N, C-alpha and C. Protein backbone atom coordinates (compact mmCIF):
# COMPACT_ATOMS: atom_id res chain seq x y z
N MET A 1 166.47 -54.77 65.69
CA MET A 1 166.82 -53.56 65.05
C MET A 1 165.62 -52.68 65.16
N VAL A 2 165.74 -51.52 65.42
CA VAL A 2 164.70 -50.50 65.73
C VAL A 2 164.45 -49.78 64.32
N PRO A 3 163.14 -49.85 63.90
CA PRO A 3 162.93 -49.00 62.59
C PRO A 3 163.53 -47.73 62.60
N GLY A 4 164.13 -47.25 61.52
CA GLY A 4 164.67 -45.99 61.46
C GLY A 4 166.10 -45.87 62.17
N LYS A 5 166.60 -46.96 62.75
CA LYS A 5 167.90 -46.88 63.43
C LYS A 5 168.85 -47.85 62.74
N LEU A 6 168.61 -48.13 61.51
CA LEU A 6 169.66 -49.07 60.78
C LEU A 6 170.97 -48.21 60.54
N ARG A 7 171.99 -48.86 61.03
CA ARG A 7 173.31 -48.33 60.96
C ARG A 7 173.77 -48.18 59.40
N ILE A 8 173.83 -46.94 58.82
CA ILE A 8 174.18 -46.88 57.45
C ILE A 8 175.50 -46.06 57.38
N PRO A 9 176.73 -46.80 57.57
CA PRO A 9 177.99 -45.84 57.71
C PRO A 9 178.14 -45.17 56.42
N TRP A 10 177.80 -45.45 55.35
CA TRP A 10 177.97 -44.77 54.05
C TRP A 10 177.02 -43.58 53.76
N LEU A 11 176.02 -43.48 54.64
CA LEU A 11 174.90 -42.39 54.38
C LEU A 11 175.57 -40.99 54.36
N ALA A 12 176.51 -40.70 55.02
CA ALA A 12 177.20 -39.42 54.98
C ALA A 12 177.98 -39.22 53.70
N THR A 13 178.32 -40.21 52.94
CA THR A 13 178.82 -40.08 51.69
C THR A 13 177.89 -40.03 50.48
N LEU A 14 176.50 -40.27 50.77
CA LEU A 14 175.62 -40.14 49.83
C LEU A 14 175.06 -38.66 49.97
N ARG A 15 175.14 -37.88 48.83
CA ARG A 15 174.70 -36.55 48.89
C ARG A 15 173.23 -36.47 48.85
N PRO A 16 172.59 -35.34 49.26
CA PRO A 16 171.12 -35.22 49.06
C PRO A 16 170.77 -35.39 47.69
N GLY A 17 169.78 -36.17 47.31
CA GLY A 17 169.36 -36.42 46.08
C GLY A 17 169.98 -37.63 45.35
N GLY A 18 171.17 -38.19 45.99
CA GLY A 18 171.78 -39.23 45.72
C GLY A 18 171.04 -40.58 45.82
N LEU A 19 171.26 -41.58 44.92
CA LEU A 19 170.48 -42.66 44.75
C LEU A 19 171.28 -43.91 45.14
N LEU A 20 170.66 -44.72 46.03
CA LEU A 20 171.32 -46.02 46.37
C LEU A 20 170.45 -47.16 45.94
N VAL A 21 171.19 -48.25 45.34
CA VAL A 21 170.41 -49.32 45.01
C VAL A 21 170.92 -50.56 45.74
N LEU A 22 169.87 -51.16 46.52
CA LEU A 22 170.08 -52.26 47.39
C LEU A 22 169.39 -53.47 46.86
N ASP A 23 170.13 -54.58 46.72
CA ASP A 23 169.71 -55.78 46.01
C ASP A 23 169.57 -56.89 46.95
N ASN A 24 169.09 -58.04 46.37
CA ASN A 24 168.91 -59.20 47.10
C ASN A 24 167.78 -59.22 48.14
N PHE A 25 166.70 -58.64 47.78
CA PHE A 25 165.51 -58.72 48.69
C PHE A 25 164.51 -59.61 48.01
N SER A 26 163.84 -60.35 48.94
CA SER A 26 162.93 -61.40 48.32
C SER A 26 161.55 -60.66 48.50
N PRO A 27 160.62 -60.97 47.55
CA PRO A 27 159.22 -60.50 47.73
C PRO A 27 158.61 -60.80 49.06
N PRO A 28 157.84 -59.95 49.70
CA PRO A 28 157.33 -60.27 51.05
C PRO A 28 156.61 -61.69 51.12
N GLY A 29 155.92 -62.13 50.19
CA GLY A 29 155.35 -63.45 50.11
C GLY A 29 156.28 -64.53 50.14
N ARG A 30 157.57 -64.37 49.76
CA ARG A 30 158.62 -65.39 49.75
C ARG A 30 159.53 -65.26 50.87
N LEU A 31 159.24 -64.48 51.90
CA LEU A 31 160.12 -64.40 53.06
C LEU A 31 160.14 -65.68 53.82
N PRO A 32 161.15 -66.15 54.51
CA PRO A 32 161.29 -67.12 55.29
C PRO A 32 160.26 -67.05 56.50
N THR A 33 159.78 -68.05 57.10
CA THR A 33 158.91 -67.95 58.18
C THR A 33 159.29 -67.06 59.28
N ALA A 34 160.66 -67.04 59.61
CA ALA A 34 161.17 -66.16 60.56
C ALA A 34 160.97 -64.68 60.38
N LEU A 35 160.80 -64.28 59.07
CA LEU A 35 160.60 -62.90 58.72
C LEU A 35 159.09 -62.55 58.41
N HIS A 36 158.22 -63.36 58.60
CA HIS A 36 156.82 -63.14 58.29
C HIS A 36 156.13 -61.99 59.05
N ALA A 37 156.81 -61.70 60.19
CA ALA A 37 156.27 -60.51 60.94
C ALA A 37 156.98 -59.19 60.39
N GLY A 38 157.91 -59.44 59.41
CA GLY A 38 158.48 -58.17 58.81
C GLY A 38 159.98 -58.41 58.62
N ASP A 39 160.50 -57.88 57.68
CA ASP A 39 161.96 -57.91 57.40
C ASP A 39 162.67 -56.65 58.06
N PRO A 40 163.37 -56.81 59.08
CA PRO A 40 163.88 -55.53 59.83
C PRO A 40 164.76 -54.63 59.00
N GLU A 41 165.63 -55.27 57.98
CA GLU A 41 166.31 -54.39 57.25
C GLU A 41 165.55 -53.57 56.24
N ARG A 42 164.68 -54.16 55.71
CA ARG A 42 163.68 -53.43 54.64
C ARG A 42 162.96 -52.40 55.45
N GLU A 43 162.34 -52.72 56.54
CA GLU A 43 161.54 -51.76 57.30
C GLU A 43 162.52 -50.63 57.83
N ALA A 44 163.69 -50.87 58.28
CA ALA A 44 164.43 -49.74 58.74
C ALA A 44 164.82 -48.81 57.65
N LEU A 45 165.06 -49.46 56.39
CA LEU A 45 165.31 -48.45 55.28
C LEU A 45 164.17 -47.59 54.94
N TRP A 46 162.98 -48.23 54.96
CA TRP A 46 161.69 -47.39 54.71
C TRP A 46 161.45 -46.43 55.85
N ALA A 47 161.86 -46.73 56.99
CA ALA A 47 161.57 -45.80 58.10
C ALA A 47 162.59 -44.74 58.25
N HIS A 48 163.76 -44.89 57.63
CA HIS A 48 164.84 -43.96 57.82
C HIS A 48 164.49 -42.51 57.53
N PRO A 49 164.72 -41.64 58.33
CA PRO A 49 164.11 -40.17 58.05
C PRO A 49 164.82 -39.43 56.97
N GLU A 50 166.04 -39.93 56.50
CA GLU A 50 166.68 -39.29 55.43
C GLU A 50 166.70 -39.93 54.12
N LEU A 51 165.79 -41.00 54.06
CA LEU A 51 165.74 -41.76 52.73
C LEU A 51 164.27 -41.78 52.33
N ILE A 52 164.17 -41.74 51.15
CA ILE A 52 162.77 -42.02 50.38
C ILE A 52 163.06 -43.28 49.54
N CYS A 53 162.16 -44.32 49.78
CA CYS A 53 162.44 -45.60 49.19
C CYS A 53 161.31 -46.15 48.23
N THR A 54 161.78 -46.87 47.33
CA THR A 54 160.71 -47.67 46.53
C THR A 54 161.19 -49.00 46.29
N GLU A 55 160.29 -49.93 46.02
CA GLU A 55 160.80 -51.36 45.79
C GLU A 55 160.38 -51.81 44.56
N VAL A 56 161.32 -52.34 43.81
CA VAL A 56 161.05 -52.70 42.42
C VAL A 56 161.33 -54.28 42.18
N ALA A 57 160.30 -54.98 41.59
CA ALA A 57 160.50 -56.29 41.27
C ALA A 57 161.41 -56.42 40.06
N VAL A 58 162.57 -57.07 40.15
CA VAL A 58 163.48 -57.40 38.99
C VAL A 58 163.27 -58.73 38.48
N SER A 59 162.62 -59.63 39.29
CA SER A 59 162.24 -61.05 38.74
C SER A 59 161.24 -61.45 39.71
N ALA A 60 160.72 -62.72 39.35
CA ALA A 60 159.64 -63.28 40.26
C ALA A 60 160.05 -63.48 41.71
N GLY A 61 161.34 -63.68 41.96
CA GLY A 61 161.81 -64.02 43.18
C GLY A 61 162.81 -62.97 43.84
N GLU A 62 162.93 -61.82 43.17
CA GLU A 62 163.91 -60.85 43.69
C GLU A 62 163.45 -59.35 43.60
N ARG A 63 163.69 -58.60 44.55
CA ARG A 63 163.41 -57.09 44.51
C ARG A 63 164.64 -56.41 44.81
N VAL A 64 164.60 -55.16 44.37
CA VAL A 64 165.67 -54.17 44.71
C VAL A 64 164.93 -53.01 45.33
N ILE A 65 165.60 -52.37 46.30
CA ILE A 65 165.15 -51.12 46.90
C ILE A 65 166.03 -50.11 46.40
N LEU A 66 165.16 -49.02 45.84
CA LEU A 66 166.00 -47.81 45.41
C LEU A 66 165.70 -46.78 46.61
N ALA A 67 166.75 -46.15 47.06
CA ALA A 67 166.63 -45.10 48.11
C ALA A 67 167.36 -43.87 47.88
N ALA A 68 166.55 -42.83 47.81
CA ALA A 68 167.19 -41.48 47.59
C ALA A 68 167.26 -40.75 48.92
N ARG A 69 168.31 -40.13 49.09
CA ARG A 69 168.63 -39.24 50.34
C ARG A 69 167.95 -38.02 50.18
N THR A 70 167.21 -37.59 51.19
CA THR A 70 166.56 -36.26 51.10
C THR A 70 167.23 -35.25 51.90
N GLY A 71 167.95 -35.46 52.88
CA GLY A 71 168.62 -34.44 53.64
C GLY A 71 169.86 -34.79 54.42
């Protein structure tokens, strides 16, 4: 997956300023060995030109990403 090229079919339904909550992300230190170079889904969300993201720890082993549409 190319950063910024994540297919987000529902992005058109998210209005500018709309907030998306994505769950089931592991903290970077707990990623499987195959993802130690980076989590493609997480990085694509962060690199998407129409989203501003932040990551929130909801427990010791789980994170959520909050993404707001900018344009």
